[in-house]
Amino acid sequence: MPSALDTPQGAAELAESLLPPLGNRWLHTQAVAARAREACAAVSEADRDLLVAAAWLHDIGYAPELRDTGFHPLDGARHLESLGAPARLVRLVAHHSGAVYEAEQRGLSAELAVYEREDSPVLDALIFADMTTGPAGQSFDFDTRIDEILVRYEPGSEVHNAISKARPYLGAAVDRTRERMARQPR
């Protein structure tokens, strides 16, 4: 077990111990971590390692051995909590990419509410990294990524309904991150 889960290296090691058998999910995770590194200018210097660590760990709840509720943000957060990961990292994983919307669809709002959502540049940048990266690690613009999700999941499914409702929230987070990145000197 990595000793420093809130560092990019420790988070990458944990992700690599769980996700490679999932193929495209592993490709996606690696690309989201790379995208998060690109977005580091949108967050304070003190939060940059946390952002990249959260990007590495955002989808670990998909690992079959961690599956409990079947809702990957919650399953991932619970696993990180069981490993003694810092609470802020656990909360970022729990709430990545509008998880509250899907929790509502799945009847898991109370379970997710255990982890307080922070509305911050770090969560925005994590959403940016995930919502501009395709399922096999492709670089997508936001609308293409959302449309891809809506095609991949059947209309009426929990994910399709949640992403449809979350689109304005997610788009605003992506826009805020782009604005923060643009304000930073290169």
C-alpha atoms as a PDB file:
ATOM      1  CA  MET A   1       0.000   0.000   0.000  1.00  0.00           C
ATOM      2  CA  PRO A   2       1.396   3.438  -0.851  1.00  0.00           C
ATOM      3  CA  SER A   3       2.301   5.462   2.191  1.00  0.00           C
ATOM      4  CA  ALA A   4       1.357   8.872   0.809  1.00  0.00           C
ATOM      5  CA  LEU A   5      -1.950   8.568  -1.021  1.00  0.00           C
ATOM      6  CA  ASP A   6      -2.300  12.327  -1.394  1.00  0.00           C
ATOM      7  CA  THR A   7       0.905  12.532  -3.435  1.00  0.00           C
ATOM      8  CA  PRO A   8       0.861  11.965  -7.176  1.00  0.00           C
ATOM      9  CA  GLN A   9       3.314   9.058  -6.851  1.00  0.00           C
ATOM     10  CA  GLY A  10       1.458   7.307  -4.045  1.00  0.00           C
ATOM     11  CA  ALA A  11      -1.896   7.798  -5.785  1.00  0.00           C
ATOM     12  CA  ALA A  12      -0.507   6.559  -9.104  1.00  0.00           C
ATOM     13  CA  GLU A  13       0.847   3.430  -7.404  1.00  0.00           C
ATOM     14  CA  LEU A  14      -2.518   2.649  -5.842  1.00  0.00           C
ATOM     15  CA  ALA A  15      -4.362   3.268  -9.126  1.00  0.00           C
ATOM     16  CA  GLU A  16      -1.866   1.073 -10.968  1.00  0.00           C
ATOM     17  CA  SER A  17      -2.451  -1.725  -8.461  1.00  0.00           C
ATOM     18  CA  LEU A  18      -6.206  -1.719  -9.213  1.00  0.00           C
ATOM     19  CA  LEU A  19      -7.081  -0.376 -12.661  1.00  0.00           C
ATOM     20  CA  PRO A  20      -4.876  -1.882 -15.433  1.00  0.00           C
ATOM     21  CA  PRO A  21      -7.105  -4.984 -15.831  1.00  0.00           C
ATOM     22  CA  LEU A  22      -9.966  -2.607 -16.708  1.00  0.00           C
ATOM     23  CA  GLY A  23      -8.338  -1.596 -20.017  1.00  0.00           C
ATOM     24  CA  ASN A  24      -9.869   1.655 -21.194  1.00  0.00           C
ATOM     25  CA  ARG A  25     -10.617   2.732 -17.609  1.00  0.00           C
ATOM     26  CA  TRP A  26      -6.873   2.600 -16.931  1.00  0.00           C
ATOM     27  CA  LEU A  27      -6.122   4.567 -20.123  1.00  0.00           C
ATOM     28  CA  HIS A  28      -8.734   7.139 -19.094  1.00  0.00           C
ATOM     29  CA  THR A  29      -7.275   7.442 -15.592  1.00  0.00           C
ATOM     30  CA  GLN A  30      -3.738   7.994 -16.849  1.00  0.00           C
ATOM     31  CA  ALA A  31      -4.957  10.684 -19.253  1.00  0.00           C
ATOM     32  CA  VAL A  32      -7.066  12.391 -16.558  1.00  0.00           C
ATOM     33  CA  ALA A  33      -3.979  12.560 -14.333  1.00  0.00           C
ATOM     34  CA  ALA A  34      -1.992  14.098 -17.199  1.00  0.00           C
ATOM     35  CA  ARG A  35      -4.797  16.574 -17.847  1.00  0.00           C
ATOM     36  CA  ALA A  36      -4.877  17.470 -14.138  1.00  0.00           C
ATOM     37  CA  ARG A  37      -1.151  18.248 -14.293  1.00  0.00           C
ATOM     38  CA  GLU A  38      -1.930  20.615 -17.181  1.00  0.00           C
ATOM     39  CA  ALA A  39      -4.648  22.250 -15.067  1.00  0.00           C
ATOM     40  CA  CYS A  40      -2.405  22.818 -12.038  1.00  0.00           C
ATOM     41  CA  ALA A  41      -2.168  26.521 -12.868  1.00  0.00           C
ATOM     42  CA  ALA A  42      -5.856  26.777 -11.929  1.00  0.00           C
ATOM     43  CA  VAL A  43      -5.210  25.875  -8.286  1.00  0.00           C
ATOM     44  CA  SER A  44      -2.910  27.148  -5.562  1.00  0.00           C
ATOM     45  CA  GLU A  45       0.578  25.736  -5.497  1.00  0.00           C
ATOM     46  CA  ALA A  46      -0.237  24.042  -2.186  1.00  0.00           C
ATOM     47  CA  ASP A  47      -3.116  22.097  -3.805  1.00  0.00           C
ATOM     48  CA  ARG A  48      -1.393  20.892  -6.969  1.00  0.00           C
ATOM     49  CA  ASP A  49      -0.236  17.515  -5.692  1.00  0.00           C
ATOM     50  CA  LEU A  50      -3.679  16.907  -4.186  1.00  0.00           C
ATOM     51  CA  LEU A  51      -5.339  17.663  -7.530  1.00  0.00           C
ATOM     52  CA  VAL A  52      -3.131  15.206  -9.410  1.00  0.00           C
ATOM     53  CA  ALA A  53      -3.536  12.556  -6.694  1.00  0.00           C
ATOM     54  CA  ALA A  54      -7.322  12.913  -6.861  1.00  0.00           C
ATOM     55  CA  ALA A  55      -7.156  12.555 -10.643  1.00  0.00           C
ATOM     56  CA  TRP A  56      -5.213   9.302 -10.313  1.00  0.00           C
ATOM     57  CA  LEU A  57      -7.745   7.981  -7.795  1.00  0.00           C
ATOM     58  CA  HIS A  58     -11.047   9.364  -9.103  1.00  0.00           C
ATOM     59  CA  ASP A  59     -12.137   6.071 -10.727  1.00  0.00           C
ATOM     60  CA  ILE A  60     -10.639   3.450  -8.403  1.00  0.00           C
ATOM     61  CA  GLY A  61     -14.164   2.593  -7.270  1.00  0.00           C
ATOM     62  CA  TYR A  62     -14.595   0.772 -10.595  1.00  0.00           C
ATOM     63  CA  ALA A  63     -12.097  -1.901  -9.482  1.00  0.00           C
ATOM     64  CA  PRO A  64     -14.094  -5.121  -9.009  1.00  0.00           C
ATOM     65  CA  GLU A  65     -12.520  -5.817  -5.616  1.00  0.00           C
ATOM     66  CA  LEU A  66     -13.729  -2.438  -4.320  1.00  0.00           C
ATOM     67  CA  ARG A  67     -17.269  -2.714  -5.638  1.00  0.00           C
ATOM     68  CA  ASP A  68     -19.813  -2.462  -2.836  1.00  0.00           C
ATOM     69  CA  THR A  69     -22.637  -0.104  -3.802  1.00  0.00           C
ATOM     70  CA  GLY A  70     -21.861  -0.173  -7.531  1.00  0.00           C
ATOM     71  CA  PHE A  71     -21.497   3.620  -7.450  1.00  0.00           C
ATOM     72  CA  HIS A  72     -17.815   4.178  -8.142  1.00  0.00           C
ATOM     73  CA  PRO A  73     -17.330   7.592  -6.463  1.00  0.00           C
ATOM     74  CA  LEU A  74     -18.727   6.236  -3.204  1.00  0.00           C
ATOM     75  CA  ASP A  75     -16.946   2.883  -3.420  1.00  0.00           C
ATOM     76  CA  GLY A  76     -13.656   4.626  -4.191  1.00  0.00           C
ATOM     77  CA  ALA A  77     -14.060   7.121  -1.362  1.00  0.00           C
ATOM     78  CA  ARG A  78     -14.885   4.381   1.122  1.00  0.00           C
ATOM     79  CA  HIS A  79     -11.815   2.407   0.093  1.00  0.00           C
ATOM     80  CA  LEU A  80      -9.570   5.447   0.424  1.00  0.00           C
ATOM     81  CA  GLU A  81     -11.066   6.173   3.831  1.00  0.00           C
ATOM     82  CA  SER A  82     -10.364   2.571   4.902  1.00  0.00           C
ATOM     83  CA  LEU A  83      -6.717   3.083   3.902  1.00  0.00           C
ATOM     84  CA  GLY A  84      -6.479   6.207   6.050  1.00  0.00           C
ATOM     85  CA  ALA A  85      -6.248   8.619   3.133  1.00  0.00           C
ATOM     86  CA  PRO A  86      -6.561  12.306   3.971  1.00  0.00           C
ATOM     87  CA  ALA A  87     -10.199  13.367   4.335  1.00  0.00           C
ATOM     88  CA  ARG A  88      -9.949  16.034   1.655  1.00  0.00           C
ATOM     89  CA  LEU A  89      -8.721  13.500  -0.921  1.00  0.00           C
ATOM     90  CA  VAL A  90     -11.542  11.141   0.045  1.00  0.00           C
ATOM     91  CA  ARG A  91     -14.100  13.934  -0.398  1.00  0.00           C
ATOM     92  CA  LEU A  92     -12.725  14.946  -3.809  1.00  0.00           C
ATOM     93  CA  VAL A  93     -12.995  11.365  -5.060  1.00  0.00           C
ATOM     94  CA  ALA A  94     -16.483  11.047  -3.583  1.00  0.00           C
ATOM     95  CA  HIS A  95     -17.701  14.186  -5.350  1.00  0.00           C
ATOM     96  CA  HIS A  96     -15.821  14.147  -8.629  1.00  0.00           C
ATOM     97  CA  SER A  97     -17.715  15.105 -11.761  1.00  0.00           C
ATOM     98  CA  GLY A  98     -21.107  15.807 -10.273  1.00  0.00           C
ATOM     99  CA  ALA A  99     -21.426  12.595  -8.281  1.00  0.00           C
ATOM    100  CA  VAL A 100     -24.274  14.125  -6.279  1.00  0.00           C
ATOM    101  CA  TYR A 101     -26.486  13.974  -9.387  1.00  0.00           C
ATOM    102  CA  GLU A 102     -25.887  10.268  -9.927  1.00  0.00           C
ATOM    103  CA  ALA A 103     -26.199   9.517  -6.206  1.00  0.00           C
ATOM    104  CA  GLU A 104     -29.682  11.011  -6.371  1.00  0.00           C
ATOM    105  CA  GLN A 105     -30.568   8.752  -9.316  1.00  0.00           C
ATOM    106  CA  ARG A 106     -29.265   5.693  -7.465  1.00  0.00           C
ATOM    107  CA  GLY A 107     -30.911   6.464  -4.128  1.00  0.00           C
ATOM    108  CA  LEU A 108     -27.506   6.958  -2.506  1.00  0.00           C
ATOM    109  CA  SER A 109     -27.693  10.649  -1.597  1.00  0.00           C
ATOM    110  CA  ALA A 110     -27.514  10.016   2.151  1.00  0.00           C
ATOM    111  CA  GLU A 111     -24.488   7.745   1.774  1.00  0.00           C
ATOM    112  CA  LEU A 112     -22.654  10.312  -0.367  1.00  0.00           C
ATOM    113  CA  ALA A 113     -23.608  13.170   1.986  1.00  0.00           C
ATOM    114  CA  VAL A 114     -21.305  11.651   4.610  1.00  0.00           C
ATOM    115  CA  TYR A 115     -18.536  13.214   2.511  1.00  0.00           C
ATOM    116  CA  GLU A 116     -18.928  16.980   2.424  1.00  0.00           C
ATOM    117  CA  ARG A 117     -18.472  18.466  -1.033  1.00  0.00           C
ATOM    118  CA  GLU A 118     -16.017  21.320  -1.302  1.00  0.00           C
ATOM    119  CA  ASP A 119     -16.790  23.906  -3.925  1.00  0.00           C
ATOM    120  CA  SER A 120     -13.254  24.903  -4.818  1.00  0.00           C
ATOM    121  CA  PRO A 121     -10.804  25.400  -7.648  1.00  0.00           C
ATOM    122  CA  VAL A 122      -9.463  21.905  -6.903  1.00  0.00           C
ATOM    123  CA  LEU A 123     -12.833  20.210  -7.424  1.00  0.00           C
ATOM    124  CA  ASP A 124     -13.421  22.351 -10.509  1.00  0.00           C
ATOM    125  CA  ALA A 125     -10.035  21.331 -11.946  1.00  0.00           C
ATOM    126  CA  LEU A 126     -10.716  17.646 -11.215  1.00  0.00           C
ATOM    127  CA  ILE A 127     -14.030  17.967 -13.054  1.00  0.00           C
ATOM    128  CA  PHE A 128     -12.214  19.729 -15.903  1.00  0.00           C
ATOM    129  CA  ALA A 129      -9.670  16.913 -16.188  1.00  0.00           C
ATOM    130  CA  ASP A 130     -12.342  14.191 -16.184  1.00  0.00           C
ATOM    131  CA  MET A 131     -14.856  15.998 -18.384  1.00  0.00           C
ATOM    132  CA  THR A 132     -12.321  16.756 -21.126  1.00  0.00           C
ATOM    133  CA  THR A 133     -10.922  13.216 -21.300  1.00  0.00           C
ATOM    134  CA  GLY A 134     -12.627  10.423 -23.212  1.00  0.00           C
ATOM    135  CA  PRO A 135     -13.209   6.857 -22.031  1.00  0.00           C
ATOM    136  CA  ALA A 136      -9.965   5.600 -23.603  1.00  0.00           C
ATOM    137  CA  GLY A 137      -7.880   8.662 -22.761  1.00  0.00           C
ATOM    138  CA  GLN A 138      -8.797  10.813 -25.760  1.00  0.00           C
ATOM    139  CA  SER A 139      -8.640  14.581 -25.406  1.00  0.00           C
ATOM    140  CA  PHE A 140     -12.164  15.931 -25.872  1.00  0.00           C
ATOM    141  CA  ASP A 141     -13.758  19.316 -25.520  1.00  0.00           C
ATOM    142  CA  PHE A 142     -16.468  19.446 -22.867  1.00  0.00           C
ATOM    143  CA  ASP A 143     -19.486  19.134 -25.165  1.00  0.00           C
ATOM    144  CA  THR A 144     -17.971  16.202 -27.054  1.00  0.00           C
ATOM    145  CA  ARG A 145     -17.263  14.415 -23.758  1.00  0.00           C
ATOM    146  CA  ILE A 146     -20.785  14.949 -22.442  1.00  0.00           C
ATOM    147  CA  ASP A 147     -22.308  13.845 -25.754  1.00  0.00           C
ATOM    148  CA  GLU A 148     -20.093  10.738 -25.724  1.00  0.00           C
ATOM    149  CA  ILE A 149     -21.362   9.807 -22.249  1.00  0.00           C
ATOM    150  CA  LEU A 150     -24.972  10.368 -23.296  1.00  0.00           C
ATOM    151  CA  VAL A 151     -24.499   8.062 -26.302  1.00  0.00           C
ATOM    152  CA  ARG A 152     -22.657   5.395 -24.283  1.00  0.00           C
ATOM    153  CA  TYR A 153     -25.373   5.184 -21.611  1.00  0.00           C
ATOM    154  CA  GLU A 154     -28.933   4.367 -22.574  1.00  0.00           C
ATOM    155  CA  PRO A 155     -31.548   7.133 -22.248  1.00  0.00           C
ATOM    156  CA  GLY A 156     -33.352   6.669 -18.947  1.00  0.00           C
ATOM    157  CA  SER A 157     -30.345   5.015 -17.282  1.00  0.00           C
ATOM    158  CA  GLU A 158     -29.015   6.439 -14.035  1.00  0.00           C
ATOM    159  CA  VAL A 159     -25.847   7.779 -15.674  1.00  0.00           C
ATOM    160  CA  HIS A 160     -27.659   9.284 -18.660  1.00  0.00           C
ATOM    161  CA  ASN A 161     -30.182  11.038 -16.405  1.00  0.00           C
ATOM    162  CA  ALA A 162     -27.491  12.254 -13.995  1.00  0.00           C
ATOM    163  CA  ILE A 163     -25.184  13.631 -16.696  1.00  0.00           C
ATOM    164  CA  SER A 164     -28.119  15.351 -18.392  1.00  0.00           C
ATOM    165  CA  LYS A 165     -28.999  17.109 -15.133  1.00  0.00           C
ATOM    166  CA  ALA A 166     -25.369  17.785 -14.192  1.00  0.00           C
ATOM    167  CA  ARG A 167     -24.346  19.275 -17.552  1.00  0.00           C
ATOM    168  CA  PRO A 168     -24.741  22.957 -16.500  1.00  0.00           C
ATOM    169  CA  TYR A 169     -22.884  22.354 -13.211  1.00  0.00           C
ATOM    170  CA  LEU A 170     -20.080  20.457 -14.937  1.00  0.00           C
ATOM    171  CA  GLY A 171     -19.804  23.010 -17.744  1.00  0.00           C
ATOM    172  CA  ALA A 172     -19.513  25.846 -15.230  1.00  0.00           C
ATOM    173  CA  ALA A 173     -16.682  24.016 -13.419  1.00  0.00           C
ATOM    174  CA  VAL A 174     -14.844  23.482 -16.717  1.00  0.00           C
ATOM    175  CA  ASP A 175     -15.311  27.153 -17.645  1.00  0.00           C
ATOM    176  CA  ARG A 176     -14.068  28.366 -14.260  1.00  0.00           C
ATOM    177  CA  THR A 177     -10.979  26.181 -14.585  1.00  0.00           C
ATOM    178  CA  ARG A 178     -10.234  27.433 -18.096  1.00  0.00           C
ATOM    179  CA  GLU A 179     -10.585  31.033 -16.844  1.00  0.00           C
ATOM    180  CA  ARG A 180      -8.236  30.374 -13.918  1.00  0.00           C
ATOM    181  CA  MET A 181      -5.693  28.735 -16.236  1.00  0.00           C
ATOM    182  CA  ALA A 182      -5.861  31.669 -18.663  1.00  0.00           C
ATOM    183  CA  ARG A 183      -5.148  34.166 -15.851  1.00  0.00           C
ATOM    184  CA  GLN A 184      -1.904  32.454 -14.873  1.00  0.00           C
ATOM    185  CA  PRO A 185       1.399  33.564 -16.404  1.00  0.00           C
ATOM    186  CA  ARG A 186       2.958  30.966 -18.636  1.00  0.00           C
END
